């Protein structure tokens, strides 16, 4: 158990701090823990009366969840995706090693070796990634030429 000191980094965060850092309500943190969506890794054995202690990795996952919820994904859909991820033998820790997590607001996608797959079904998906900054430059250049 370690908390903030001048020289040490924090090894765990209580649920209230985790909620503030992740941008979620404490009620949502409690819901996610009760339903097994996000566990408090630093807590050891979970149980009644034991404070939940969240690690930095847990905070990353909570922040991702907050962004997915803000993006329109429902809590129940998120729960299904995380459950399927765990059933397939992939942990949420692996999810946090990704550079991108993709969603259409309903489904969650992960990219493995250049292949985009839905988390809940494993179904392959096809997507285009467009660099809008390049398109803006092209349009601006075309406007200058026309004018």
Foldseek 3Di string as FASTA:
>chain_A
DDDDDPPDDGFWDFLCVLCVLLVHHSVVSVVCCVLVVAAQVVQPDDDPPGTRIHGPLSSLVSNVVVVLVVLQEDPVLSSLLQVLCVVVVHHVSVVVVDPDWDDPNYFTWDADPNWIATSNPRDTDDDDDDDVVVVVVVVVVVVVVVD
